[in-house]
């Protein structure tokens, strides 16, 4: 079997990702509001639309996938994503992702005193 995968990325003038082209999964389009927050994406392969909602201060309130919203994907406490498509995130007291856990295992992240990621 062919294991080569080609990926292409297209950006707008504000360096926002507009489209990804994946040789096996097709295209995904991304949409933004005037402040640069992602508001929606549409996947050619999966044929669904995901959308994100924000409050007046720009804090992420929730996400919808297709026509369904569940408690898991519609609540984003403290403006931090806790889970997405079976991947779970844990944060430290500074709001930095310190652990990502999914089907393929757990990935840990470490930061220096200036909050720069130094180890994955």
N, C-alpha and C. Protein backbone atom coordinates (compact mmCIF):
# COMPACT_ATOMS: atom_id res chain seq x y z
N UNK A 1 0.82 -1.20 0.00
CA UNK A 1 0.00 0.00 0.00
C UNK A 1 0.86 1.26 0.00
N UNK A 2 0.34 2.27 -0.63
CA UNK A 2 1.03 3.56 -0.70
C UNK A 2 0.89 4.28 0.63
N UNK A 3 2.01 4.62 1.27
CA UNK A 3 1.96 5.28 2.58
C UNK A 3 2.24 6.77 2.48
N UNK A 4 2.51 7.27 1.28
CA UNK A 4 2.79 8.70 1.11
C UNK A 4 1.50 9.50 1.19
N UNK A 5 1.52 10.57 1.96
CA UNK A 5 0.37 11.46 2.08
C UNK A 5 0.82 12.87 1.76
N UNK A 6 0.12 13.52 0.84
CA UNK A 6 0.43 14.89 0.47
C UNK A 6 -0.53 15.83 1.18
N UNK A 7 0.01 16.90 1.77
CA UNK A 7 -0.80 17.91 2.44
C UNK A 7 -0.40 19.28 1.92
N UNK A 8 -1.40 20.11 1.67
CA UNK A 8 -1.17 21.49 1.25
C UNK A 8 -2.00 22.41 2.13
N UNK A 9 -1.47 23.60 2.40
CA UNK A 9 -2.14 24.56 3.27
C UNK A 9 -2.24 25.90 2.54
N UNK A 10 -3.40 26.56 2.66
CA UNK A 10 -3.62 27.88 2.07
C UNK A 10 -3.99 28.86 3.18
N UNK A 11 -3.38 30.06 3.14
CA UNK A 11 -3.60 31.08 4.16
C UNK A 11 -4.07 32.38 3.50
N UNK A 12 -4.74 33.22 4.28
CA UNK A 12 -5.13 34.54 3.78
C UNK A 12 -4.07 35.56 4.19
N UNK A 13 -4.32 36.84 3.92
CA UNK A 13 -3.37 37.91 4.22
C UNK A 13 -3.14 38.14 5.70
N UNK A 14 -4.03 37.62 6.55
CA UNK A 14 -3.86 37.74 8.00
C UNK A 14 -3.22 36.49 8.60
N UNK A 15 -2.67 35.63 7.75
CA UNK A 15 -2.04 34.37 8.15
C UNK A 15 -3.01 33.41 8.81
N UNK A 16 -4.29 33.49 8.45
CA UNK A 16 -5.29 32.55 8.95
C UNK A 16 -5.39 31.40 7.97
N UNK A 17 -5.43 30.20 8.49
CA UNK A 17 -5.56 29.01 7.65
C UNK A 17 -6.92 29.02 6.99
N UNK A 18 -6.96 28.98 5.66
CA UNK A 18 -8.23 28.98 4.92
C UNK A 18 -8.62 27.60 4.43
N UNK A 19 -7.63 26.81 4.04
CA UNK A 19 -7.94 25.51 3.44
C UNK A 19 -6.78 24.55 3.64
N UNK A 20 -7.11 23.31 3.91
CA UNK A 20 -6.12 22.24 3.88
C UNK A 20 -6.55 21.26 2.80
N UNK A 21 -5.57 20.74 2.09
CA UNK A 21 -5.83 19.71 1.09
C UNK A 21 -5.02 18.48 1.50
N UNK A 22 -5.72 17.39 1.69
CA UNK A 22 -5.11 16.15 2.13
C UNK A 22 -5.36 15.12 1.03
N UNK A 23 -4.30 14.46 0.58
CA UNK A 23 -4.43 13.55 -0.56
C UNK A 23 -5.39 12.39 -0.32
N UNK A 24 -5.62 12.05 0.93
CA UNK A 24 -6.53 10.94 1.23
C UNK A 24 -7.88 11.39 1.77
N UNK A 25 -7.91 12.51 2.46
CA UNK A 25 -9.14 12.94 3.12
C UNK A 25 -9.85 14.08 2.43
N UNK A 26 -9.26 14.66 1.41
CA UNK A 26 -9.90 15.76 0.70
C UNK A 26 -9.59 17.11 1.32
N UNK A 27 -10.51 18.05 1.10
CA UNK A 27 -10.30 19.43 1.53
C UNK A 27 -11.10 19.77 2.78
N UNK A 28 -10.54 20.69 3.56
CA UNK A 28 -11.24 21.28 4.70
C UNK A 28 -11.10 22.78 4.59
N UNK A 29 -12.23 23.49 4.67
CA UNK A 29 -12.26 24.95 4.60
C UNK A 29 -12.48 25.52 6.00
N UNK A 30 -11.83 26.66 6.29
CA UNK A 30 -11.92 27.31 7.60
C UNK A 30 -12.44 28.73 7.42
N UNK A 31 -13.27 29.18 8.37
CA UNK A 31 -13.90 30.49 8.30
C UNK A 31 -13.65 31.24 9.61
N UNK A 32 -13.51 32.58 9.52
CA UNK A 32 -13.14 33.41 10.66
C UNK A 32 -14.05 34.63 10.76
N UNK A 33 -14.16 35.18 11.96
CA UNK A 33 -14.88 36.45 12.12
C UNK A 33 -13.89 37.59 11.92
N UNK A 34 -14.37 38.83 12.04
CA UNK A 34 -13.51 39.99 11.77
C UNK A 34 -12.41 40.17 12.81
N UNK A 35 -12.52 39.50 13.96
CA UNK A 35 -11.47 39.60 14.97
C UNK A 35 -10.45 38.48 14.86
N UNK A 36 -10.63 37.58 13.89
CA UNK A 36 -9.67 36.50 13.69
C UNK A 36 -9.98 35.21 14.41
N UNK A 37 -11.14 35.13 15.08
CA UNK A 37 -11.53 33.88 15.73
C UNK A 37 -12.09 32.91 14.69
N UNK A 38 -11.68 31.66 14.78
CA UNK A 38 -12.26 30.67 13.88
C UNK A 38 -13.74 30.50 14.24
N UNK A 39 -14.60 30.51 13.24
CA UNK A 39 -16.04 30.39 13.49
C UNK A 39 -16.61 29.11 12.91
N UNK A 40 -15.96 28.53 11.90
CA UNK A 40 -16.50 27.31 11.31
C UNK A 40 -15.44 26.61 10.48
N UNK A 41 -15.65 25.32 10.28
CA UNK A 41 -14.86 24.56 9.32
C UNK A 41 -15.77 23.52 8.67
N UNK A 42 -15.48 23.25 7.42
CA UNK A 42 -16.27 22.28 6.67
C UNK A 42 -15.31 21.28 6.05
N UNK A 43 -15.55 20.02 6.31
CA UNK A 43 -14.68 18.95 5.83
C UNK A 43 -15.33 18.25 4.64
N UNK A 44 -14.60 18.18 3.55
CA UNK A 44 -15.09 17.49 2.37
C UNK A 44 -15.23 15.99 2.64
N UNK A 45 -14.26 15.43 3.34
CA UNK A 45 -14.25 13.99 3.61
C UNK A 45 -15.38 13.57 4.54
N UNK A 46 -15.53 14.29 5.64
CA UNK A 46 -16.52 13.90 6.64
C UNK A 46 -17.87 14.54 6.37
N UNK A 47 -17.91 15.52 5.49
CA UNK A 47 -19.16 16.14 5.09
C UNK A 47 -19.91 16.83 6.21
N UNK A 48 -19.23 17.41 7.17
CA UNK A 48 -19.94 18.09 8.25
C UNK A 48 -19.36 19.48 8.47
N UNK A 49 -20.11 20.27 9.17
CA UNK A 49 -19.69 21.61 9.51
C UNK A 49 -19.53 21.70 11.02
N UNK A 50 -18.41 22.18 11.47
CA UNK A 50 -18.20 22.45 12.90
C UNK A 50 -18.19 23.95 13.06
N UNK A 51 -18.74 24.44 14.15
CA UNK A 51 -18.75 25.88 14.39
C UNK A 51 -18.41 26.18 15.84
N UNK A 52 -17.87 27.37 16.06
CA UNK A 52 -17.46 27.81 17.38
C UNK A 52 -18.18 29.11 17.70
N UNK A 53 -18.54 29.30 18.98
CA UNK A 53 -19.22 30.51 19.43
C UNK A 53 -18.36 31.20 20.49
N UNK A 54 -18.39 32.53 20.48
CA UNK A 54 -17.60 33.34 21.40
C UNK A 54 -18.49 34.37 22.09
N UNK A 55 -18.09 34.81 23.28
CA UNK A 55 -18.81 35.89 23.93
C UNK A 55 -18.26 37.23 23.43
N UNK A 56 -18.82 38.34 23.94
CA UNK A 56 -18.42 39.67 23.47
C UNK A 56 -16.95 39.97 23.74
N UNK A 57 -16.36 39.31 24.73
CA UNK A 57 -14.94 39.51 25.06
C UNK A 57 -14.02 38.59 24.26
N UNK A 58 -14.59 37.74 23.42
CA UNK A 58 -13.79 36.84 22.61
C UNK A 58 -13.46 35.52 23.27
N UNK A 59 -14.08 35.22 24.41
CA UNK A 59 -13.86 33.94 25.08
C UNK A 59 -14.67 32.84 24.40
N UNK A 60 -14.06 31.71 24.21
CA UNK A 60 -14.74 30.59 23.57
C UNK A 60 -15.84 30.06 24.48
N UNK A 61 -17.06 30.02 23.95
CA UNK A 61 -18.19 29.53 24.72
C UNK A 61 -18.50 28.08 24.42
N UNK A 62 -18.34 27.68 23.18
CA UNK A 62 -18.67 26.31 22.84
C UNK A 62 -18.43 25.99 21.39
N UNK A 63 -18.66 24.74 21.06
CA UNK A 63 -18.44 24.22 19.72
C UNK A 63 -19.59 23.31 19.36
N UNK A 64 -20.01 23.37 18.12
CA UNK A 64 -21.04 22.47 17.61
C UNK A 64 -20.45 21.69 16.44
N UNK A 65 -20.78 20.43 16.38
CA UNK A 65 -20.39 19.59 15.24
C UNK A 65 -21.67 19.18 14.55
N UNK A 66 -21.85 19.62 13.34
CA UNK A 66 -23.08 19.33 12.62
C UNK A 66 -24.25 19.99 13.31
N UNK A 67 -25.34 19.28 13.40
CA UNK A 67 -26.54 19.82 14.04
C UNK A 67 -26.63 19.45 15.50
N UNK A 68 -25.67 18.67 16.02
CA UNK A 68 -25.72 18.22 17.40
C UNK A 68 -24.73 19.00 18.24
N UNK A 69 -25.08 19.24 19.46
CA UNK A 69 -24.15 19.77 20.45
C UNK A 69 -24.35 18.97 21.71
N UNK A 70 -23.27 18.54 22.32
CA UNK A 70 -23.38 17.78 23.56
C UNK A 70 -22.71 18.57 24.67
N UNK A 71 -22.95 18.16 25.89
CA UNK A 71 -22.31 18.84 27.02
C UNK A 71 -20.80 18.79 26.88
N UNK A 72 -20.30 17.69 26.33
CA UNK A 72 -18.85 17.53 26.21
C UNK A 72 -18.25 18.56 25.26
N UNK A 73 -18.95 18.86 24.16
CA UNK A 73 -18.32 19.77 23.21
C UNK A 73 -18.96 21.15 23.17
N UNK A 74 -19.89 21.44 24.07
CA UNK A 74 -20.50 22.77 24.04
C UNK A 74 -20.11 23.62 25.23
N UNK A 75 -19.37 23.08 26.18
CA UNK A 75 -18.94 23.86 27.34
C UNK A 75 -17.42 23.91 27.37
N UNK A 76 -16.88 25.10 27.46
CA UNK A 76 -15.43 25.30 27.48
C UNK A 76 -15.11 26.14 28.71
N UNK A 77 -14.99 25.50 29.89
CA UNK A 77 -14.75 26.28 31.10
C UNK A 77 -13.39 26.98 31.08
N UNK A 78 -13.37 28.19 31.60
CA UNK A 78 -12.14 28.99 31.72
C UNK A 78 -11.46 29.22 30.38
N UNK A 79 -12.24 29.17 29.29
CA UNK A 79 -11.71 29.40 27.95
C UNK A 79 -10.63 28.39 27.57
N UNK A 80 -10.76 27.16 28.07
CA UNK A 80 -9.80 26.10 27.78
C UNK A 80 -10.53 24.88 27.24
N UNK A 81 -10.07 24.39 26.11
CA UNK A 81 -10.65 23.20 25.52
C UNK A 81 -10.27 21.99 26.37
N UNK A 82 -11.26 21.24 26.83
CA UNK A 82 -10.99 20.07 27.66
C UNK A 82 -10.97 18.79 26.85
N UNK A 83 -11.78 18.72 25.80
CA UNK A 83 -11.77 17.52 24.95
C UNK A 83 -12.26 17.88 23.57
N UNK A 84 -11.77 17.12 22.60
CA UNK A 84 -12.19 17.29 21.21
C UNK A 84 -11.95 15.98 20.49
N UNK A 85 -13.01 15.38 19.97
CA UNK A 85 -12.95 14.16 19.17
C UNK A 85 -12.13 13.06 19.86
N UNK A 86 -12.39 12.82 21.13
CA UNK A 86 -11.74 11.74 21.85
C UNK A 86 -10.35 12.05 22.38
N UNK A 87 -9.92 13.30 22.28
CA UNK A 87 -8.63 13.73 22.82
C UNK A 87 -8.92 14.65 24.00
N UNK A 88 -8.26 14.40 25.13
CA UNK A 88 -8.49 15.15 26.36
C UNK A 88 -7.25 15.95 26.73
N UNK A 89 -7.46 17.17 27.22
CA UNK A 89 -6.37 18.08 27.55
C UNK A 89 -6.39 18.43 29.03
N UNK A 90 -5.18 18.55 29.61
CA UNK A 90 -5.04 18.97 31.01
C UNK A 90 -4.13 20.19 31.03
N UNK A 91 -4.43 21.14 31.91
CA UNK A 91 -3.72 22.42 31.98
C UNK A 91 -3.09 22.61 33.35
N UNK A 92 -2.04 23.44 33.40
CA UNK A 92 -1.45 23.80 34.70
C UNK A 92 -2.07 25.10 35.20
N UNK A 93 -1.56 25.61 36.32
CA UNK A 93 -2.13 26.82 36.93
C UNK A 93 -1.93 28.07 36.09
N UNK A 94 -1.06 28.01 35.07
CA UNK A 94 -0.83 29.15 34.18
C UNK A 94 -1.66 29.06 32.91
N UNK A 95 -2.46 28.00 32.79
CA UNK A 95 -3.30 27.83 31.61
C UNK A 95 -2.60 27.17 30.44
N UNK A 96 -1.44 26.58 30.67
CA UNK A 96 -0.69 25.92 29.60
C UNK A 96 -1.09 24.46 29.52
N UNK A 97 -1.18 23.93 28.31
CA UNK A 97 -1.46 22.50 28.15
C UNK A 97 -0.27 21.73 28.68
N UNK A 98 -0.50 20.82 29.62
CA UNK A 98 0.59 20.00 30.16
C UNK A 98 0.43 18.54 29.78
N UNK A 99 -0.76 18.17 29.31
CA UNK A 99 -0.97 16.78 28.93
C UNK A 99 -2.08 16.68 27.90
N UNK A 100 -1.85 15.83 26.91
CA UNK A 100 -2.84 15.53 25.88
C UNK A 100 -2.98 14.01 25.84
N UNK A 101 -4.20 13.54 26.05
CA UNK A 101 -4.42 12.09 26.11
C UNK A 101 -5.44 11.70 25.06
N UNK A 102 -5.09 10.68 24.28
CA UNK A 102 -5.98 10.20 23.23
C UNK A 102 -5.79 8.72 22.99
N UNK A 103 -6.36 8.25 21.91
CA UNK A 103 -6.31 6.82 21.58
C UNK A 103 -4.88 6.31 21.40
N UNK A 104 -4.01 7.17 20.89
CA UNK A 104 -2.64 6.73 20.61
C UNK A 104 -1.72 6.87 21.81
N UNK A 105 -2.25 7.35 22.95
CA UNK A 105 -1.43 7.46 24.15
C UNK A 105 -1.48 8.84 24.76
N UNK A 106 -0.54 9.09 25.65
CA UNK A 106 -0.48 10.36 26.38
C UNK A 106 0.78 11.11 26.01
N UNK A 107 0.63 12.40 25.75
CA UNK A 107 1.76 13.26 25.45
C UNK A 107 1.83 14.33 26.53
N UNK A 108 3.02 14.51 27.10
CA UNK A 108 3.21 15.51 28.16
C UNK A 108 4.05 16.66 27.62
N UNK A 109 3.82 17.85 28.16
CA UNK A 109 4.52 19.06 27.75
C UNK A 109 5.11 19.72 28.99
N UNK A 110 6.35 20.24 28.85
CA UNK A 110 7.02 20.91 29.95
C UNK A 110 7.46 22.29 29.48
N UNK A 111 7.43 23.26 30.40
CA UNK A 111 7.72 24.66 30.07
C UNK A 111 8.82 25.19 30.98
N UNK A 112 9.55 26.21 30.48
CA UNK A 112 10.55 26.85 31.32
C UNK A 112 9.90 28.00 32.10
N UNK A 113 10.71 28.73 32.88
CA UNK A 113 10.19 29.80 33.74
C UNK A 113 9.57 30.95 32.95
N UNK A 114 9.92 31.06 31.66
CA UNK A 114 9.36 32.12 30.82
C UNK A 114 8.19 31.61 29.98
N UNK A 115 7.64 30.46 30.37
CA UNK A 115 6.45 29.86 29.76
C UNK A 115 6.67 29.37 28.33
N UNK A 116 7.91 29.10 27.98
CA UNK A 116 8.21 28.55 26.66
C UNK A 116 8.21 27.03 26.76
N UNK A 117 7.62 26.37 25.78
CA UNK A 117 7.62 24.91 25.77
C UNK A 117 9.05 24.44 25.53
N UNK A 118 9.54 23.56 26.40
CA UNK A 118 10.91 23.08 26.28
C UNK A 118 11.00 21.58 26.09
N UNK A 119 9.91 20.88 26.33
CA UNK A 119 9.96 19.42 26.19
C UNK A 119 8.58 18.88 25.86
N UNK A 120 8.57 17.93 24.92
CA UNK A 120 7.34 17.22 24.55
C UNK A 120 7.58 15.75 24.79
